[in-house]
Amino acid sequence: MGIFSSIKEKLFGKAEEEKPVETITADAVKPATADVSATPTISNEAVVATTESQPVAATPSQPVDVAAILDAAVAKNGQKLDWRRSIVDLMKALGMDASLQERKELADELGFTGDKNDSASMNIWLHKALLKALADNGGKVPADLLD
């Protein structure tokens, strides 16, 4: 799994954890009332056992609010992190390794073509590219951060 995938999973996974999960219960399964004596059948117990053990997650109907999740992650972290301006702080807020090597790998994943030894320029590009990629993949990112 790549670094972008890990970031996306941390952000989008947190949004999914907040959503309720619907489970099909025995009450939702109704026995057949038609005459099916000529065809093989499965007992209601088998149907109920199968449906009760497999929760059905609700499909998200709205984009994931990236800013709200990152703000909450910063508050939980306890450090003074400025994820809105710093790729390092954004990664730290998510509990990720923000080392130069990790950022270089993320830059490769997102298509950075500049000089990776110029970490300041790479970090600025990387922050914008990451937020744009999150927005392109279903994240709701404040418009002022996508400029």
N, C-alpha and C. Protein backbone atom coordinates (compact mmCIF):
# COMPACT_ATOMS: atom_id res chain seq x y z
N MET A 1 0.85 -1.17 0.00
CA MET A 1 0.00 0.00 0.00
C MET A 1 0.89 1.23 0.00
N GLY A 2 0.58 2.21 -0.84
CA GLY A 2 1.36 3.42 -0.93
C GLY A 2 1.03 4.41 0.18
N ILE A 3 1.83 5.45 0.26
CA ILE A 3 1.64 6.45 1.30
C ILE A 3 0.33 7.21 1.08
N PHE A 4 0.03 7.56 -0.18
CA PHE A 4 -1.24 8.24 -0.45
C PHE A 4 -2.41 7.36 -0.03
N SER A 5 -2.35 6.09 -0.33
CA SER A 5 -3.42 5.17 0.06
C SER A 5 -3.56 5.13 1.57
N SER A 6 -2.45 5.15 2.28
CA SER A 6 -2.49 5.15 3.75
C SER A 6 -3.15 6.43 4.28
N ILE A 7 -2.81 7.56 3.69
CA ILE A 7 -3.41 8.83 4.11
C ILE A 7 -4.91 8.81 3.83
N LYS A 8 -5.26 8.39 2.63
CA LYS A 8 -6.67 8.32 2.26
C LYS A 8 -7.43 7.38 3.18
N GLU A 9 -6.85 6.23 3.49
CA GLU A 9 -7.50 5.27 4.38
C GLU A 9 -7.69 5.85 5.77
N LYS A 10 -6.67 6.56 6.27
CA LYS A 10 -6.79 7.16 7.60
C LYS A 10 -7.90 8.21 7.62
N LEU A 11 -7.97 9.04 6.60
CA LEU A 11 -9.00 10.08 6.56
C LEU A 11 -10.37 9.51 6.26
N PHE A 12 -10.49 8.74 5.21
CA PHE A 12 -11.79 8.24 4.79
C PHE A 12 -12.28 7.14 5.72
N GLY A 13 -11.35 6.38 6.29
CA GLY A 13 -11.71 5.36 7.26
C GLY A 13 -12.29 5.96 8.52
N LYS A 14 -11.74 7.10 8.95
CA LYS A 14 -12.28 7.78 10.13
C LYS A 14 -13.69 8.27 9.86
N ALA A 15 -13.95 8.71 8.65
CA ALA A 15 -15.30 9.15 8.30
C ALA A 15 -16.26 7.98 8.32
N GLU A 16 -15.83 6.81 7.83
CA GLU A 16 -16.68 5.63 7.81
C GLU A 16 -16.97 5.11 9.22
N GLU A 17 -15.96 5.25 10.14
CA GLU A 17 -16.16 4.81 11.52
C GLU A 17 -17.27 5.61 12.20
N GLU A 18 -17.44 6.87 11.79
CA GLU A 18 -18.44 7.72 12.40
C GLU A 18 -19.84 7.41 11.92
N LYS A 19 -19.98 6.75 10.77
CA LYS A 19 -21.28 6.42 10.22
C LYS A 19 -21.81 5.14 10.85
N PRO A 20 -23.12 5.07 11.11
CA PRO A 20 -23.67 3.84 11.68
C PRO A 20 -23.64 2.71 10.65
N VAL A 21 -23.51 1.51 11.14
CA VAL A 21 -23.51 0.34 10.28
C VAL A 21 -24.85 -0.36 10.45
N GLU A 22 -25.50 -0.65 9.32
CA GLU A 22 -26.78 -1.33 9.36
C GLU A 22 -26.55 -2.83 9.29
N THR A 23 -27.29 -3.57 10.11
CA THR A 23 -27.18 -5.02 10.12
C THR A 23 -28.54 -5.63 9.85
N ILE A 24 -28.58 -6.63 9.00
CA ILE A 24 -29.83 -7.34 8.74
C ILE A 24 -30.04 -8.32 9.89
N THR A 25 -31.24 -8.29 10.48
CA THR A 25 -31.52 -9.16 11.62
C THR A 25 -32.53 -10.23 11.24
N ALA A 26 -32.79 -11.13 12.17
CA ALA A 26 -33.75 -12.22 11.93
C ALA A 26 -35.14 -11.66 11.64
N ASP A 27 -35.49 -10.53 12.25
CA ASP A 27 -36.80 -9.92 12.02
C ASP A 27 -36.96 -9.46 10.57
N ALA A 28 -35.85 -9.13 9.93
CA ALA A 28 -35.91 -8.64 8.56
C ALA A 28 -36.08 -9.77 7.54
N VAL A 29 -35.83 -11.01 7.95
CA VAL A 29 -35.94 -12.15 7.04
C VAL A 29 -37.32 -12.77 7.22
N LYS A 30 -38.09 -12.80 6.14
CA LYS A 30 -39.44 -13.36 6.20
C LYS A 30 -39.46 -14.71 5.51
N PRO A 31 -40.11 -15.70 6.10
CA PRO A 31 -40.18 -17.01 5.45
C PRO A 31 -41.01 -16.95 4.18
N ALA A 32 -40.67 -17.82 3.23
CA ALA A 32 -41.41 -17.89 1.97
C ALA A 32 -42.81 -18.43 2.24
N THR A 33 -43.82 -17.89 1.54
CA THR A 33 -45.19 -18.34 1.73
C THR A 33 -45.71 -19.12 0.54
N ALA A 34 -44.97 -19.11 -0.55
CA ALA A 34 -45.41 -19.85 -1.74
C ALA A 34 -45.16 -21.34 -1.55
N ASP A 35 -45.89 -22.18 -2.31
CA ASP A 35 -45.71 -23.62 -2.24
C ASP A 35 -44.46 -23.98 -3.02
N VAL A 36 -43.43 -24.34 -2.32
CA VAL A 36 -42.16 -24.66 -2.96
C VAL A 36 -41.78 -26.11 -2.68
N SER A 37 -42.75 -26.97 -2.52
CA SER A 37 -42.47 -28.36 -2.15
C SER A 37 -41.72 -29.13 -3.24
N ALA A 38 -41.80 -28.69 -4.49
CA ALA A 38 -41.14 -29.40 -5.57
C ALA A 38 -39.70 -28.93 -5.77
N THR A 39 -39.28 -27.87 -5.05
CA THR A 39 -37.93 -27.36 -5.24
C THR A 39 -37.14 -27.49 -3.94
N PRO A 40 -35.83 -27.66 -4.03
CA PRO A 40 -35.01 -27.73 -2.83
C PRO A 40 -35.06 -26.38 -2.10
N THR A 41 -35.01 -26.42 -0.79
CA THR A 41 -35.07 -25.19 -0.01
C THR A 41 -33.93 -25.13 0.98
N ILE A 42 -33.70 -23.94 1.46
CA ILE A 42 -32.73 -23.71 2.52
C ILE A 42 -33.54 -23.31 3.74
N SER A 43 -33.22 -23.83 4.89
CA SER A 43 -33.99 -23.51 6.08
C SER A 43 -33.85 -22.04 6.45
N ASN A 44 -34.83 -21.50 7.13
CA ASN A 44 -34.77 -20.11 7.59
C ASN A 44 -33.59 -19.90 8.54
N GLU A 45 -33.24 -20.91 9.32
CA GLU A 45 -32.11 -20.77 10.25
C GLU A 45 -30.81 -20.49 9.49
N ALA A 46 -30.61 -21.17 8.36
CA ALA A 46 -29.40 -20.95 7.57
C ALA A 46 -29.38 -19.55 7.00
N VAL A 47 -30.51 -19.06 6.54
CA VAL A 47 -30.59 -17.71 5.99
C VAL A 47 -30.33 -16.69 7.08
N VAL A 48 -30.94 -16.86 8.22
CA VAL A 48 -30.77 -15.93 9.33
C VAL A 48 -29.32 -15.93 9.80
N ALA A 49 -28.72 -17.09 9.94
CA ALA A 49 -27.33 -17.17 10.40
C ALA A 49 -26.41 -16.44 9.44
N THR A 50 -26.66 -16.57 8.16
CA THR A 50 -25.82 -15.91 7.17
C THR A 50 -26.00 -14.41 7.21
N THR A 51 -27.22 -13.93 7.26
CA THR A 51 -27.45 -12.50 7.20
C THR A 51 -27.08 -11.80 8.50
N GLU A 52 -27.23 -12.45 9.65
CA GLU A 52 -26.91 -11.80 10.90
C GLU A 52 -25.41 -11.60 11.07
N SER A 53 -24.60 -12.45 10.51
CA SER A 53 -23.16 -12.36 10.72
C SER A 53 -22.46 -11.42 9.75
N GLN A 54 -23.18 -10.89 8.77
CA GLN A 54 -22.54 -10.02 7.79
C GLN A 54 -23.21 -8.66 7.77
N PRO A 55 -22.60 -7.66 8.48
CA PRO A 55 -23.17 -6.32 8.47
C PRO A 55 -23.05 -5.70 7.08
N VAL A 56 -24.01 -4.87 6.77
CA VAL A 56 -24.01 -4.18 5.49
C VAL A 56 -23.76 -2.71 5.78
N ALA A 57 -22.64 -2.20 5.33
CA ALA A 57 -22.29 -0.82 5.59
C ALA A 57 -23.08 0.09 4.66
N ALA A 58 -23.51 1.22 5.21
CA ALA A 58 -24.21 2.20 4.40
C ALA A 58 -23.21 2.88 3.47
N THR A 59 -23.59 3.12 2.24
CA THR A 59 -22.72 3.78 1.29
C THR A 59 -22.70 5.28 1.59
N PRO A 60 -21.51 5.89 1.70
CA PRO A 60 -21.47 7.32 1.98
C PRO A 60 -22.08 8.09 0.83
N SER A 61 -22.98 9.00 1.16
CA SER A 61 -23.65 9.76 0.11
C SER A 61 -23.04 11.15 -0.06
N GLN A 62 -22.16 11.54 0.86
CA GLN A 62 -21.55 12.85 0.78
C GLN A 62 -20.03 12.71 0.85
N PRO A 63 -19.32 13.70 0.33
CA PRO A 63 -17.85 13.65 0.40
C PRO A 63 -17.37 13.67 1.86
N VAL A 64 -16.22 13.11 2.09
CA VAL A 64 -15.61 13.09 3.41
C VAL A 64 -15.06 14.47 3.72
N ASP A 65 -15.40 15.03 4.89
CA ASP A 65 -14.96 16.37 5.29
C ASP A 65 -13.53 16.27 5.83
N VAL A 66 -12.58 16.47 4.95
CA VAL A 66 -11.16 16.33 5.29
C VAL A 66 -10.76 17.32 6.38
N ALA A 67 -11.20 18.57 6.28
CA ALA A 67 -10.82 19.59 7.25
C ALA A 67 -11.31 19.23 8.65
N ALA A 68 -12.54 18.79 8.77
CA ALA A 68 -13.09 18.44 10.08
C ALA A 68 -12.33 17.27 10.70
N ILE A 69 -12.00 16.28 9.89
CA ILE A 69 -11.27 15.11 10.40
C ILE A 69 -9.86 15.50 10.83
N LEU A 70 -9.19 16.32 10.03
CA LEU A 70 -7.84 16.75 10.40
C LEU A 70 -7.85 17.68 11.61
N ASP A 71 -8.83 18.56 11.70
CA ASP A 71 -8.94 19.43 12.89
C ASP A 71 -9.11 18.58 14.15
N ALA A 72 -9.95 17.56 14.07
CA ALA A 72 -10.16 16.67 15.22
C ALA A 72 -8.89 15.88 15.53
N ALA A 73 -8.17 15.46 14.51
CA ALA A 73 -6.92 14.71 14.73
C ALA A 73 -5.87 15.58 15.40
N VAL A 74 -5.81 16.86 15.01
CA VAL A 74 -4.86 17.78 15.63
C VAL A 74 -5.23 17.99 17.10
N ALA A 75 -6.51 18.19 17.37
CA ALA A 75 -6.96 18.38 18.75
C ALA A 75 -6.63 17.16 19.61
N LYS A 76 -6.81 15.99 19.06
CA LYS A 76 -6.53 14.75 19.77
C LYS A 76 -5.03 14.55 19.97
N ASN A 77 -4.22 14.99 19.01
CA ASN A 77 -2.78 14.81 19.05
C ASN A 77 -2.14 15.58 20.20
N GLY A 78 -2.64 16.79 20.47
CA GLY A 78 -2.09 17.58 21.57
C GLY A 78 -0.93 18.49 21.19
N GLN A 79 -0.34 18.28 20.01
CA GLN A 79 0.75 19.16 19.56
C GLN A 79 0.16 20.33 18.79
N LYS A 80 0.93 21.40 18.68
CA LYS A 80 0.50 22.53 17.86
C LYS A 80 0.90 22.23 16.42
N LEU A 81 -0.10 21.75 15.64
CA LEU A 81 0.15 21.35 14.26
C LEU A 81 -0.69 22.21 13.32
N ASP A 82 -0.05 22.70 12.25
CA ASP A 82 -0.74 23.52 11.25
C ASP A 82 -0.88 22.72 9.95
N TRP A 83 -1.82 21.77 9.95
CA TRP A 83 -2.00 20.89 8.80
C TRP A 83 -2.43 21.65 7.56
N ARG A 84 -3.04 22.84 7.72
CA ARG A 84 -3.51 23.62 6.58
C ARG A 84 -2.37 24.22 5.76
N ARG A 85 -1.17 24.29 6.33
CA ARG A 85 -0.03 24.88 5.63
C ARG A 85 1.16 23.96 5.51
N SER A 86 1.18 22.89 6.29
CA SER A 86 2.37 22.06 6.36
C SER A 86 2.06 20.59 6.09
N ILE A 87 2.75 20.03 5.11
CA ILE A 87 2.60 18.61 4.82
C ILE A 87 3.12 17.77 5.98
N VAL A 88 4.18 18.24 6.62
CA VAL A 88 4.74 17.52 7.77
C VAL A 88 3.71 17.47 8.89
N ASP A 89 3.09 18.60 9.20
CA ASP A 89 2.08 18.64 10.26
C ASP A 89 0.85 17.82 9.90
N LEU A 90 0.46 17.83 8.64
CA LEU A 90 -0.68 17.03 8.19
C LEU A 90 -0.40 15.55 8.44
N MET A 91 0.78 15.10 8.06
CA MET A 91 1.12 13.70 8.25
C MET A 91 1.23 13.35 9.74
N LYS A 92 1.80 14.25 10.54
CA LYS A 92 1.91 14.02 11.99
C LYS A 92 0.52 13.95 12.62
N ALA A 93 -0.40 14.79 12.17
CA ALA A 93 -1.75 14.78 12.72
C ALA A 93 -2.42 13.42 12.52
N LEU A 94 -2.06 12.74 11.43
CA LEU A 94 -2.62 11.43 11.14
C LEU A 94 -1.81 10.29 11.78
N GLY A 95 -0.77 10.65 12.54
CA GLY A 95 0.04 9.65 13.20
C GLY A 95 0.99 8.94 12.25
N MET A 96 1.36 9.61 11.18
CA MET A 96 2.23 9.00 10.17
C MET A 96 3.66 9.49 10.30
N ASP A 97 4.57 8.75 9.72
CA ASP A 97 5.97 9.14 9.62
C ASP A 97 6.06 10.28 8.61
N ALA A 98 6.57 11.44 9.06
CA ALA A 98 6.67 12.60 8.18
C ALA A 98 8.12 12.86 7.78
N SER A 99 8.94 11.83 7.80
CA SER A 99 10.35 11.99 7.46
C SER A 99 10.52 12.42 6.00
N LEU A 100 11.68 12.95 5.71
CA LEU A 100 11.97 13.39 4.35
C LEU A 100 11.84 12.22 3.37
N GLN A 101 12.28 11.04 3.76
CA GLN A 101 12.18 9.87 2.88
C GLN A 101 10.72 9.55 2.56
N GLU A 102 9.84 9.58 3.57
CA GLU A 102 8.41 9.33 3.34
C GLU A 102 7.81 10.39 2.43
N ARG A 103 8.18 11.63 2.64
CA ARG A 103 7.66 12.71 1.79
C ARG A 103 8.16 12.58 0.36
N LYS A 104 9.39 12.14 0.19
CA LYS A 104 9.92 11.91 -1.16
C LYS A 104 9.14 10.78 -1.85
N GLU A 105 8.82 9.73 -1.10
CA GLU A 105 8.03 8.64 -1.68
C GLU A 105 6.63 9.12 -2.07
N LEU A 106 6.03 9.92 -1.21
CA LEU A 106 4.71 10.47 -1.52
C LEU A 106 4.78 11.38 -2.74
N ALA A 107 5.85 12.16 -2.84
CA ALA A 107 6.04 13.03 -4.01
C ALA A 107 6.12 12.19 -5.29
N ASP A 108 6.83 11.07 -5.23
CA ASP A 108 6.90 10.18 -6.39
C ASP A 108 5.51 9.67 -6.76
N GLU A 109 4.74 9.24 -5.75
CA GLU A 109 3.39 8.72 -6.00
C GLU A 109 2.49 9.75 -6.65
N LEU A 110 2.65 11.01 -6.24
CA LEU A 110 1.76 12.07 -6.75
C LEU A 110 2.30 12.76 -7.99
N GLY A 111 3.46 12.33 -8.47
CA GLY A 111 3.97 12.83 -9.75
C GLY A 111 4.84 14.07 -9.69
N PHE A 112 5.52 14.29 -8.60
CA PHE A 112 6.41 15.45 -8.48
C PHE A 112 7.58 15.28 -9.43
N THR A 113 7.87 16.32 -10.22
CA THR A 113 8.97 16.25 -11.19
C THR A 113 10.10 17.21 -10.86
N GLY A 114 9.96 17.95 -9.77
CA GLY A 114 11.00 18.91 -9.38
C GLY A 114 12.16 18.24 -8.65
N ASP A 115 13.00 19.08 -8.07
CA ASP A 115 14.18 18.62 -7.34
C ASP A 115 13.77 18.22 -5.92
N LYS A 116 13.86 16.94 -5.62
CA LYS A 116 13.47 16.46 -4.29
C LYS A 116 14.49 16.85 -3.22
N ASN A 117 15.64 17.35 -3.63
CA ASN A 117 16.61 17.85 -2.65
C ASN A 117 16.26 19.26 -2.19
N ASP A 118 15.38 19.93 -2.91
CA ASP A 118 14.86 21.24 -2.49
C ASP A 118 13.57 20.96 -1.70
N SER A 119 13.76 20.56 -0.45
CA SER A 119 12.62 20.07 0.34
C SER A 119 11.56 21.13 0.57
N ALA A 120 11.94 22.40 0.66
CA ALA A 120 10.94 23.45 0.88
C ALA A 120 9.97 23.52 -0.30
N SER A 121 10.52 23.56 -1.52
CA SER A 121 9.66 23.61 -2.71
C SER A 121 8.84 22.34 -2.85
N MET A 122 9.49 21.20 -2.58
CA MET A 122 8.78 19.93 -2.69
C MET A 122 7.63 19.88 -1.68
N ASN A 123 7.87 20.34 -0.45
CA ASN A 123 6.83 20.31 0.58
C ASN A 123 5.63 21.17 0.21
N ILE A 124 5.88 22.34 -0.34
CA ILE A 124 4.79 23.23 -0.76
C ILE A 124 3.97 22.56 -1.86
N TRP A 125 4.66 22.03 -2.86
CA TRP A 125 3.99 21.34 -3.96
C TRP A 125 3.22 20.13 -3.44
N LEU A 126 3.87 19.37 -2.56
CA LEU A 126 3.30 18.14 -2.03
C LEU A 126 2.02 18.41 -1.24
N HIS A 127 2.02 19.46 -0.45
CA HIS A 127 0.83 19.80 0.34
C HIS A 127 -0.35 20.10 -0.59
N LYS A 128 -0.12 20.93 -1.59
CA LYS A 128 -1.20 21.26 -2.54
C LYS A 128 -1.64 20.04 -3.34
N ALA A 129 -0.68 19.25 -3.80
CA ALA A 129 -1.01 18.08 -4.61
C ALA A 129 -1.78 17.04 -3.78
N LEU A 130 -1.42 16.87 -2.53
CA LEU A 130 -2.12 15.92 -1.67
C LEU A 130 -3.56 16.35 -1.45
N LEU A 131 -3.77 17.62 -1.13
CA LEU A 131 -5.14 18.10 -0.90
C LEU A 131 -5.97 17.99 -2.18
N LYS A 132 -5.36 18.27 -3.32
CA LYS A 132 -6.09 18.12 -4.59
C LYS A 132 -6.43 16.66 -4.84
N ALA A 133 -5.49 15.76 -4.60
CA ALA A 133 -5.73 14.33 -4.80
C ALA A 133 -6.83 13.82 -3.86
N LEU A 134 -6.84 14.32 -2.63
CA LEU A 134 -7.91 13.94 -1.69
C LEU A 134 -9.26 14.42 -2.20
N ALA A 135 -9.29 15.66 -2.71
CA ALA A 135 -10.54 16.20 -3.26
C ALA A 135 -10.99 15.39 -4.48
N ASP A 136 -10.05 14.99 -5.30
CA ASP A 136 -10.37 14.21 -6.49
C ASP A 136 -10.87 12.80 -6.16
N ASN A 137 -10.59 12.35 -4.94
CA ASN A 137 -10.96 11.00 -4.53
C ASN A 137 -12.11 10.97 -3.52
N GLY A 138 -12.90 12.03 -3.50
CA GLY A 138 -14.08 12.01 -2.64
C GLY A 138 -13.96 12.81 -1.36
N GLY A 139 -12.89 13.56 -1.21
CA GLY A 139 -12.73 14.38 -0.02
C GLY A 139 -13.28 15.79 -0.24
N LYS A 140 -13.85 16.34 0.81
CA LYS A 140 -14.31 17.73 0.78
C LYS A 140 -13.21 18.57 1.41
N VAL A 141 -12.52 19.34 0.57
CA VAL A 141 -11.39 20.16 1.02
C VAL A 141 -11.77 21.63 0.84
N PRO A 142 -11.52 22.47 1.85
CA PRO A 142 -11.84 23.90 1.69
C PRO A 142 -11.23 24.49 0.42
N ALA A 143 -12.00 25.29 -0.28
CA ALA A 143 -11.57 25.85 -1.56
C ALA A 143 -10.28 26.67 -1.44
N ASP A 144 -10.10 27.38 -0.33
CA ASP A 144 -8.90 28.20 -0.18
C ASP A 144 -7.62 27.36 -0.08
N LEU A 145 -7.76 26.09 0.22
CA LEU A 145 -6.59 25.22 0.28
C LEU A 145 -6.27 24.57 -1.06
N LEU A 146 -7.16 24.73 -2.02
CA LEU A 146 -6.95 24.13 -3.34
C LEU A 146 -6.41 25.13 -4.36
N ASP A 147 -6.23 26.39 -3.95
CA ASP A 147 -5.73 27.42 -4.87
C ASP A 147 -4.29 27.23 -5.20
